[in-house]
Amino acid sequence: MVHSGGNLRDLFHRELKDIYFAEKQILRALPKMARNAQSSELQHAFETHADETEQQIERLDRVFESIGQLPRGKTCDAIIGLLDEGKEIMEEFADTEALDPGLLAAAQSVEHYEISRYGTLKAWAEQLGLTEAAQLLDATLVEEKRMDEILTKIAMVSLNEQAA
């Protein structure tokens, strides 16, 4: 499908709606992931990230406001697919030693998607001279990278424990 007349600002707004939808879906998924996680460390990471995600949605509200748009989501098939994988893992590997590693892998796929999206949106905001939006998006990008590092550490510790 050829679309004419769009510019970078339109694309920025489109992808902003995409990540807004994604964050709302992630916020709905995290409590279930926390309840299903076996390790208390992983449960805590998911609970903490749910709190962060609420703040990230508020930050996105401010980004929309800064560009004169109402906060609205647009269905993001990518995040639906990633979260569905997490659901499948919870169903297929419930009460097994593979559950936490599976949840970690699913959560990191989500984090990597978010890191990619926020990095791109921040770069576009800077290119468009949207200083406030760029700063808000960077604050979330830093949190997403930190969450990814936390998940990596939990994965390394649990893998080392299983190997021992």
Protein backbone atom coordinates (compact mmCIF):
# COMPACT_ATOMS: atom_id res chain seq x y z
CA MET A 1 0.00 0.00 0.00
CA VAL A 2 1.46 3.34 -1.04
CA HIS A 3 0.78 6.23 1.30
CA SER A 4 1.63 9.71 0.16
CA GLY A 5 1.97 12.91 2.11
CA GLY A 6 3.27 11.60 5.44
CA ASN A 7 6.25 13.22 7.11
CA LEU A 8 8.52 12.36 10.05
CA ARG A 9 6.25 14.14 12.51
CA ASP A 10 3.28 12.04 11.32
CA LEU A 11 5.38 8.89 11.66
CA PHE A 12 6.49 9.98 15.13
CA HIS A 13 2.85 10.44 16.18
CA ARG A 14 1.87 7.07 14.67
CA GLU A 15 4.65 5.20 16.51
CA LEU A 16 3.86 7.08 19.72
CA LYS A 17 0.31 5.68 19.53
CA ASP A 18 1.82 2.24 18.91
CA ILE A 19 4.01 2.29 22.05
CA TYR A 20 1.16 3.81 24.09
CA PHE A 21 -1.02 0.81 23.21
CA ALA A 22 1.93 -1.52 23.91
CA GLU A 23 2.56 -0.05 27.39
CA LYS A 24 -1.13 -0.43 28.31
CA GLN A 25 -1.02 -4.10 27.25
CA ILE A 26 2.23 -4.68 29.15
CA LEU A 27 0.70 -3.11 32.26
CA ARG A 28 -2.16 -5.61 32.03
CA ALA A 29 0.22 -8.58 31.53
CA LEU A 30 2.79 -7.88 34.27
CA PRO A 31 0.66 -8.78 37.33
CA LYS A 32 -0.16 -12.18 35.80
CA MET A 33 3.51 -12.76 35.00
CA ALA A 34 4.41 -11.81 38.59
CA ARG A 35 1.80 -14.24 39.99
CA ASN A 36 3.11 -17.07 37.81
CA ALA A 37 6.83 -16.50 38.40
CA GLN A 38 8.34 -19.01 40.83
CA SER A 39 11.36 -17.03 42.01
CA SER A 40 10.62 -14.19 44.41
CA GLU A 41 13.30 -12.13 42.66
CA LEU A 42 11.52 -12.46 39.32
CA GLN A 43 8.12 -11.73 40.94
CA HIS A 44 9.60 -8.57 42.48
CA ALA A 45 11.11 -7.49 39.13
CA PHE A 46 7.73 -7.83 37.39
CA GLU A 47 5.92 -5.95 40.21
CA THR A 48 8.50 -3.15 40.17
CA HIS A 49 8.25 -2.88 36.41
CA ALA A 50 4.45 -2.64 36.62
CA ASP A 51 4.88 0.46 38.81
CA GLU A 52 7.44 1.85 36.35
CA THR A 53 5.12 1.12 33.43
CA GLU A 54 2.38 3.24 35.03
CA GLN A 55 4.85 6.12 35.22
CA GLN A 56 5.92 5.49 31.63
CA ILE A 57 2.31 5.77 30.47
CA GLU A 58 2.02 9.08 32.36
CA ARG A 59 5.22 10.23 30.63
CA LEU A 60 3.72 9.26 27.26
CA ASP A 61 0.63 11.33 28.15
CA ARG A 62 3.00 14.28 28.57
CA VAL A 63 4.71 13.54 25.23
CA PHE A 64 1.32 13.58 23.47
CA GLU A 65 0.49 16.85 25.25
CA SER A 66 3.85 18.35 24.20
CA ILE A 67 2.99 17.76 20.51
CA GLY A 68 -0.59 18.97 20.89
CA GLN A 69 -2.22 15.54 20.53
CA LEU A 70 -4.59 13.54 22.73
CA PRO A 71 -3.10 10.34 24.16
CA ARG A 72 -4.46 7.49 22.04
CA GLY A 73 -3.26 4.00 21.35
CA LYS A 74 -3.12 2.20 18.02
CA THR A 75 -3.22 -1.59 17.98
CA CYS A 76 0.33 -2.92 18.04
CA ASP A 77 0.41 -6.44 16.61
CA ALA A 78 4.06 -6.89 17.61
CA ILE A 79 3.38 -6.49 21.34
CA ILE A 80 0.26 -8.66 21.14
CA GLY A 81 2.41 -11.42 19.63
CA LEU A 82 5.16 -11.06 22.23
CA LEU A 83 2.70 -11.08 25.13
CA ASP A 84 0.87 -14.09 23.63
CA GLU A 85 4.18 -15.97 23.67
CA GLY A 86 4.45 -15.21 27.38
CA LYS A 87 0.92 -16.50 27.96
CA GLU A 88 1.70 -19.71 26.06
CA ILE A 89 4.81 -20.27 28.17
CA MET A 90 2.79 -19.77 31.38
CA GLU A 91 0.26 -22.37 30.18
CA GLU A 92 2.65 -24.93 28.72
CA PHE A 93 5.31 -24.80 31.44
CA ALA A 94 3.22 -24.08 34.56
CA ASP A 95 4.78 -25.63 37.67
CA THR A 96 7.93 -26.77 35.84
CA GLU A 97 11.56 -25.72 36.25
CA ALA A 98 11.39 -24.20 32.75
CA LEU A 99 8.70 -21.65 33.71
CA ASP A 100 10.95 -18.90 35.06
CA PRO A 101 13.53 -19.14 32.25
CA GLY A 102 10.62 -19.01 29.79
CA LEU A 103 9.08 -15.99 31.51
CA LEU A 104 12.47 -14.28 31.57
CA ALA A 105 12.94 -14.88 27.84
CA ALA A 106 9.45 -13.59 27.06
CA ALA A 107 9.95 -10.51 29.25
CA GLN A 108 13.29 -9.73 27.62
CA SER A 109 11.72 -9.95 24.16
CA VAL A 110 9.25 -7.29 25.32
CA GLU A 111 12.05 -5.15 26.81
CA HIS A 112 14.07 -5.33 23.60
CA TYR A 113 11.03 -4.26 21.59
CA GLU A 114 10.51 -1.31 23.94
CA ILE A 115 14.19 -0.32 23.90
CA SER A 116 14.10 -0.32 20.10
CA ARG A 117 10.91 1.77 19.97
CA TYR A 118 11.94 4.31 22.61
CA GLY A 119 15.40 4.69 21.06
CA THR A 120 13.86 5.43 17.66
CA LEU A 121 11.21 7.79 19.07
CA LYS A 122 13.83 9.70 21.07
CA ALA A 123 16.03 10.09 17.96
CA TRP A 124 13.07 11.30 15.89
CA ALA A 125 11.99 13.72 18.64
CA GLU A 126 15.51 15.18 18.67
CA GLN A 127 15.52 15.44 14.86
CA LEU A 128 12.14 17.21 14.99
CA GLY A 129 13.35 19.62 17.70
CA LEU A 130 10.87 18.22 20.24
CA THR A 131 13.15 18.71 23.25
CA GLU A 132 10.60 17.95 25.97
CA ALA A 133 9.41 14.80 24.17
CA ALA A 134 13.02 13.64 23.67
CA GLN A 135 13.78 14.09 27.39
CA LEU A 136 10.63 12.22 28.47
CA LEU A 137 11.32 9.38 26.03
CA ASP A 138 14.95 9.17 27.19
CA ALA A 139 13.85 8.80 30.83
CA THR A 140 11.76 5.77 29.83
CA LEU A 141 14.53 4.39 27.61
CA VAL A 142 16.90 4.43 30.61
CA GLU A 143 14.31 2.52 32.71
CA GLU A 144 13.74 -0.08 29.99
CA LYS A 145 17.48 -0.70 29.62
CA ARG A 146 17.82 -1.03 33.40
CA MET A 147 14.94 -3.56 33.50
CA ASP A 148 16.63 -5.56 30.75
CA GLU A 149 19.86 -5.62 32.81
CA ILE A 150 17.93 -6.76 35.91
CA LEU A 151 16.31 -9.59 33.94
CA THR A 152 19.71 -10.62 32.56
CA LYS A 153 21.16 -10.76 36.08
CA ILE A 154 18.23 -12.86 37.34
CA ALA A 155 18.65 -15.21 34.36
CA MET A 156 22.39 -15.60 34.99
CA VAL A 157 21.90 -16.30 38.71
CA SER A 158 19.11 -18.83 38.16
CA LEU A 159 21.01 -20.58 35.35
CA ASN A 160 24.12 -20.79 37.55
CA GLU A 161 22.05 -22.16 40.44
CA GLN A 162 20.47 -24.80 38.16
CA ALA A 163 23.90 -25.75 36.81
CA ALA A 164 25.18 -26.23 40.36
